[in-house]
Amino acid sequence: MTNNNLIETAISAGTFKTLVAAVKAAGLVEALSGSGPFTVFAPNDEAFAKLPSGTVEGLLENIPKLRSILTYHVVSGRITCSDVERITAGGQTPNVTTLQGSPVKLKVNGVFKKTVYVNDAKVISADINASNGVIHVIDRVILPEASQ
């Protein structure tokens, strides 16, 4: 276990510059530095770069929408990839409710090399532990239905 919280862990990774800037702009640093635990499905800088041009800048000017999208990437509690594999055994696709209030679907594809998905985002690096939760790096920004 690390002594760094989720925000400190994301900063030290160096691949979440856009996410960290967005969290700061949305005023969520204190919340995500709290005791938690939280599970964060964290889009890396490459994932943010896949968004249409001007999207990030537009979100930075619309803080309520930015907060909604960011909290859609956070679930209360610590959910590891082995937890996801266990709860999806038997072909179930459970929904977990995000801090934003809308559910995300968790699923596992593959038999030998299992890949975890959150909605349509692939977990590309899993189970990065922090003192107040766990981070799973995802390959795209996921959007709640109202934001799409």
C-alpha atoms as a PDB file:
ATOM      1  CA  MET A   1       0.000   0.000   0.000  1.00  0.00           C
ATOM      2  CA  THR A   2       1.225   3.466  -0.776  1.00  0.00           C
ATOM      3  CA  ASN A   3       1.051   6.583   1.375  1.00  0.00           C
ATOM      4  CA  ASN A   4       0.063   8.695  -1.643  1.00  0.00           C
ATOM      5  CA  ASN A   5      -3.625   9.464  -2.126  1.00  0.00           C
ATOM      6  CA  LEU A   6      -5.356   9.193  -5.515  1.00  0.00           C
ATOM      7  CA  ILE A   7      -4.431  12.724  -6.598  1.00  0.00           C
ATOM      8  CA  GLU A   8      -0.781  12.380  -5.528  1.00  0.00           C
ATOM      9  CA  THR A   9      -0.584   9.003  -7.265  1.00  0.00           C
ATOM     10  CA  ALA A  10      -2.015  10.444 -10.483  1.00  0.00           C
ATOM     11  CA  ILE A  11       0.401  13.385 -10.385  1.00  0.00           C
ATOM     12  CA  SER A  12       3.441  11.165  -9.774  1.00  0.00           C
ATOM     13  CA  ALA A  13       2.480   8.874 -12.673  1.00  0.00           C
ATOM     14  CA  GLY A  14       3.024  11.767 -15.098  1.00  0.00           C
ATOM     15  CA  THR A  15       0.479  10.443 -17.646  1.00  0.00           C
ATOM     16  CA  PHE A  16      -2.585  12.169 -16.215  1.00  0.00           C
ATOM     17  CA  LYS A  17      -1.726  15.846 -16.749  1.00  0.00           C
ATOM     18  CA  THR A  18      -5.066  16.626 -18.421  1.00  0.00           C
ATOM     19  CA  LEU A  19      -7.064  14.693 -15.821  1.00  0.00           C
ATOM     20  CA  VAL A  20      -5.271  16.348 -12.912  1.00  0.00           C
ATOM     21  CA  ALA A  21      -5.772  19.816 -14.464  1.00  0.00           C
ATOM     22  CA  ALA A  22      -9.473  19.049 -14.963  1.00  0.00           C
ATOM     23  CA  VAL A  23      -9.860  17.782 -11.372  1.00  0.00           C
ATOM     24  CA  LYS A  24      -8.222  20.974 -10.098  1.00  0.00           C
ATOM     25  CA  ALA A  25     -10.408  23.181 -12.316  1.00  0.00           C
ATOM     26  CA  ALA A  26     -13.543  21.354 -11.131  1.00  0.00           C
ATOM     27  CA  GLY A  27     -12.613  21.761  -7.467  1.00  0.00           C
ATOM     28  CA  LEU A  28     -12.507  18.019  -6.827  1.00  0.00           C
ATOM     29  CA  VAL A  29      -8.965  17.708  -5.409  1.00  0.00           C
ATOM     30  CA  GLU A  30     -10.081  17.832  -1.787  1.00  0.00           C
ATOM     31  CA  ALA A  31     -12.838  15.257  -2.323  1.00  0.00           C
ATOM     32  CA  LEU A  32     -10.517  12.807  -4.088  1.00  0.00           C
ATOM     33  CA  SER A  33      -7.833  13.355  -1.452  1.00  0.00           C
ATOM     34  CA  GLY A  34     -10.297  12.382   1.304  1.00  0.00           C
ATOM     35  CA  SER A  35     -10.452   9.084   3.136  1.00  0.00           C
ATOM     36  CA  GLY A  36     -12.474   7.233   0.490  1.00  0.00           C
ATOM     37  CA  PRO A  37     -12.012   4.571  -0.547  1.00  0.00           C
ATOM     38  CA  PHE A  38     -12.708   5.331  -4.177  1.00  0.00           C
ATOM     39  CA  THR A  39     -12.213   3.513  -7.459  1.00  0.00           C
ATOM     40  CA  VAL A  40     -11.140   5.878 -10.236  1.00  0.00           C
ATOM     41  CA  PHE A  41     -11.396   4.907 -13.898  1.00  0.00           C
ATOM     42  CA  ALA A  42      -8.747   7.369 -15.041  1.00  0.00           C
ATOM     43  CA  PRO A  43      -8.392   8.380 -18.682  1.00  0.00           C
ATOM     44  CA  ASN A  44      -4.744   9.070 -19.430  1.00  0.00           C
ATOM     45  CA  ASP A  45      -3.520  11.997 -21.530  1.00  0.00           C
ATOM     46  CA  GLU A  46      -3.792   9.893 -24.716  1.00  0.00           C
ATOM     47  CA  ALA A  47      -7.467   9.208 -23.935  1.00  0.00           C
ATOM     48  CA  PHE A  48      -8.193  12.933 -23.570  1.00  0.00           C
ATOM     49  CA  ALA A  49      -6.331  13.555 -26.841  1.00  0.00           C
ATOM     50  CA  LYS A  50      -8.882  11.318 -28.638  1.00  0.00           C
ATOM     51  CA  LEU A  51     -11.702  13.759 -27.826  1.00  0.00           C
ATOM     52  CA  PRO A  52     -12.758  16.132 -30.617  1.00  0.00           C
ATOM     53  CA  SER A  53     -10.696  19.303 -30.854  1.00  0.00           C
ATOM     54  CA  GLY A  54     -11.792  21.959 -28.377  1.00  0.00           C
ATOM     55  CA  THR A  55     -13.711  19.537 -26.111  1.00  0.00           C
ATOM     56  CA  VAL A  56     -11.372  19.808 -23.121  1.00  0.00           C
ATOM     57  CA  GLU A  57     -11.190  23.598 -23.424  1.00  0.00           C
ATOM     58  CA  GLY A  58     -14.986  23.759 -23.615  1.00  0.00           C
ATOM     59  CA  LEU A  59     -15.333  21.628 -20.498  1.00  0.00           C
ATOM     60  CA  LEU A  60     -12.908  23.843 -18.597  1.00  0.00           C
ATOM     61  CA  GLU A  61     -15.352  26.700 -19.309  1.00  0.00           C
ATOM     62  CA  ASN A  62     -18.387  24.653 -18.180  1.00  0.00           C
ATOM     63  CA  ILE A  63     -17.479  23.542 -14.638  1.00  0.00           C
ATOM     64  CA  PRO A  64     -20.838  21.846 -13.840  1.00  0.00           C
ATOM     65  CA  LYS A  65     -20.530  19.641 -16.949  1.00  0.00           C
ATOM     66  CA  LEU A  66     -16.840  19.013 -16.199  1.00  0.00           C
ATOM     67  CA  ARG A  67     -17.685  17.938 -12.623  1.00  0.00           C
ATOM     68  CA  SER A  68     -20.412  15.654 -13.951  1.00  0.00           C
ATOM     69  CA  ILE A  69     -18.047  13.942 -16.397  1.00  0.00           C
ATOM     70  CA  LEU A  70     -15.227  13.619 -13.856  1.00  0.00           C
ATOM     71  CA  THR A  71     -17.443  12.185 -11.109  1.00  0.00           C
ATOM     72  CA  TYR A  72     -18.779   9.712 -13.708  1.00  0.00           C
ATOM     73  CA  HIS A  73     -15.282   8.185 -13.612  1.00  0.00           C
ATOM     74  CA  VAL A  74     -15.367   7.592  -9.824  1.00  0.00           C
ATOM     75  CA  VAL A  75     -17.098   4.876  -7.802  1.00  0.00           C
ATOM     76  CA  SER A  76     -17.344   4.765  -4.034  1.00  0.00           C
ATOM     77  CA  GLY A  77     -15.411   1.792  -2.626  1.00  0.00           C
ATOM     78  CA  ARG A  78     -12.306  -0.082  -3.747  1.00  0.00           C
ATOM     79  CA  ILE A  79     -13.010  -2.322  -6.766  1.00  0.00           C
ATOM     80  CA  THR A  80     -10.039  -4.285  -8.098  1.00  0.00           C
ATOM     81  CA  CYS A  81      -9.942  -6.055 -11.447  1.00  0.00           C
ATOM     82  CA  SER A  82     -10.159  -9.410  -9.657  1.00  0.00           C
ATOM     83  CA  ASP A  83     -13.365  -8.098  -8.010  1.00  0.00           C
ATOM     84  CA  VAL A  84     -14.727  -7.287 -11.478  1.00  0.00           C
ATOM     85  CA  GLU A  85     -13.765 -10.752 -12.752  1.00  0.00           C
ATOM     86  CA  ARG A  86     -15.504 -12.340  -9.760  1.00  0.00           C
ATOM     87  CA  ILE A  87     -18.741 -10.318 -10.063  1.00  0.00           C
ATOM     88  CA  THR A  88     -18.934 -10.818 -13.842  1.00  0.00           C
ATOM     89  CA  ALA A  89     -18.425 -14.582 -13.643  1.00  0.00           C
ATOM     90  CA  GLY A  90     -21.256 -16.358 -15.393  1.00  0.00           C
ATOM     91  CA  GLY A  91     -21.612 -13.680 -18.028  1.00  0.00           C
ATOM     92  CA  GLN A  92     -23.188 -11.019 -15.839  1.00  0.00           C
ATOM     93  CA  THR A  93     -22.602  -7.359 -16.726  1.00  0.00           C
ATOM     94  CA  PRO A  94     -23.151  -5.506 -13.475  1.00  0.00           C
ATOM     95  CA  ASN A  95     -23.836  -1.816 -13.211  1.00  0.00           C
ATOM     96  CA  VAL A  96     -22.070   0.162 -10.506  1.00  0.00           C
ATOM     97  CA  THR A  97     -23.245   3.616  -9.588  1.00  0.00           C
ATOM     98  CA  THR A  98     -20.734   6.426  -9.985  1.00  0.00           C
ATOM     99  CA  LEU A  99     -20.396   9.491  -7.766  1.00  0.00           C
ATOM    100  CA  GLN A 100     -22.112  11.393 -10.595  1.00  0.00           C
ATOM    101  CA  GLY A 101     -25.203   9.249  -9.929  1.00  0.00           C
ATOM    102  CA  SER A 102     -25.391   7.310 -13.194  1.00  0.00           C
ATOM    103  CA  PRO A 103     -24.293   3.682 -13.531  1.00  0.00           C
ATOM    104  CA  VAL A 104     -21.377   2.329 -15.557  1.00  0.00           C
ATOM    105  CA  LYS A 105     -21.292  -1.225 -16.910  1.00  0.00           C
ATOM    106  CA  LEU A 106     -18.383  -3.457 -15.956  1.00  0.00           C
ATOM    107  CA  LYS A 107     -17.502  -6.431 -18.150  1.00  0.00           C
ATOM    108  CA  VAL A 108     -14.675  -8.840 -18.778  1.00  0.00           C
ATOM    109  CA  ASN A 109     -13.791 -10.200 -22.221  1.00  0.00           C
ATOM    110  CA  GLY A 110     -11.455 -13.097 -22.925  1.00  0.00           C
ATOM    111  CA  VAL A 111     -10.739 -16.439 -21.337  1.00  0.00           C
ATOM    112  CA  PHE A 112      -6.988 -16.635 -20.873  1.00  0.00           C
ATOM    113  CA  LYS A 113      -6.048 -13.003 -21.296  1.00  0.00           C
ATOM    114  CA  LYS A 114      -8.883 -11.207 -19.593  1.00  0.00           C
ATOM    115  CA  THR A 115      -9.631  -7.591 -20.446  1.00  0.00           C
ATOM    116  CA  VAL A 116     -11.809  -5.439 -18.217  1.00  0.00           C
ATOM    117  CA  TYR A 117     -14.069  -2.776 -19.724  1.00  0.00           C
ATOM    118  CA  VAL A 118     -15.967   0.124 -18.176  1.00  0.00           C
ATOM    119  CA  ASN A 119     -18.760   0.908 -20.624  1.00  0.00           C
ATOM    120  CA  ASP A 120     -16.771   0.965 -23.891  1.00  0.00           C
ATOM    121  CA  ALA A 121     -13.434   1.975 -22.338  1.00  0.00           C
ATOM    122  CA  LYS A 122     -10.725  -0.660 -22.005  1.00  0.00           C
ATOM    123  CA  VAL A 123      -8.738  -0.880 -18.781  1.00  0.00           C
ATOM    124  CA  ILE A 124      -5.135  -0.678 -20.002  1.00  0.00           C
ATOM    125  CA  SER A 125      -3.451  -0.624 -16.585  1.00  0.00           C
ATOM    126  CA  ALA A 126      -5.219  -1.960 -13.519  1.00  0.00           C
ATOM    127  CA  ASP A 127      -5.057  -1.914  -9.746  1.00  0.00           C
ATOM    128  CA  ILE A 128      -2.789   1.064  -9.133  1.00  0.00           C
ATOM    129  CA  ASN A 129      -3.111   1.357  -5.369  1.00  0.00           C
ATOM    130  CA  ALA A 130      -3.378   4.614  -3.469  1.00  0.00           C
ATOM    131  CA  SER A 131      -3.906   5.233   0.235  1.00  0.00           C
ATOM    132  CA  ASN A 132      -7.570   6.070  -0.344  1.00  0.00           C
ATOM    133  CA  GLY A 133      -8.493   3.833  -3.263  1.00  0.00           C
ATOM    134  CA  VAL A 134      -7.449   2.303  -6.542  1.00  0.00           C
ATOM    135  CA  ILE A 135      -6.901   3.655 -10.058  1.00  0.00           C
ATOM    136  CA  HIS A 136      -7.598   1.806 -13.297  1.00  0.00           C
ATOM    137  CA  VAL A 137      -6.199   3.528 -16.388  1.00  0.00           C
ATOM    138  CA  ILE A 138      -8.687   3.557 -19.271  1.00  0.00           C
ATOM    139  CA  ASP A 139      -8.131   4.223 -22.967  1.00  0.00           C
ATOM    140  CA  ARG A 140     -10.954   6.738 -23.472  1.00  0.00           C
ATOM    141  CA  VAL A 141     -13.045   9.287 -21.631  1.00  0.00           C
ATOM    142  CA  ILE A 142     -16.447   7.852 -20.715  1.00  0.00           C
ATOM    143  CA  LEU A 143     -19.456  10.147 -20.818  1.00  0.00           C
ATOM    144  CA  PRO A 144     -22.738   9.972 -18.939  1.00  0.00           C
ATOM    145  CA  GLU A 145     -25.729   9.723 -21.306  1.00  0.00           C
ATOM    146  CA  ALA A 146     -26.790  13.360 -20.854  1.00  0.00           C
ATOM    147  CA  SER A 147     -23.283  14.564 -21.798  1.00  0.00           C
ATOM    148  CA  GLN A 148     -22.960  12.659 -25.065  1.00  0.00           C
END
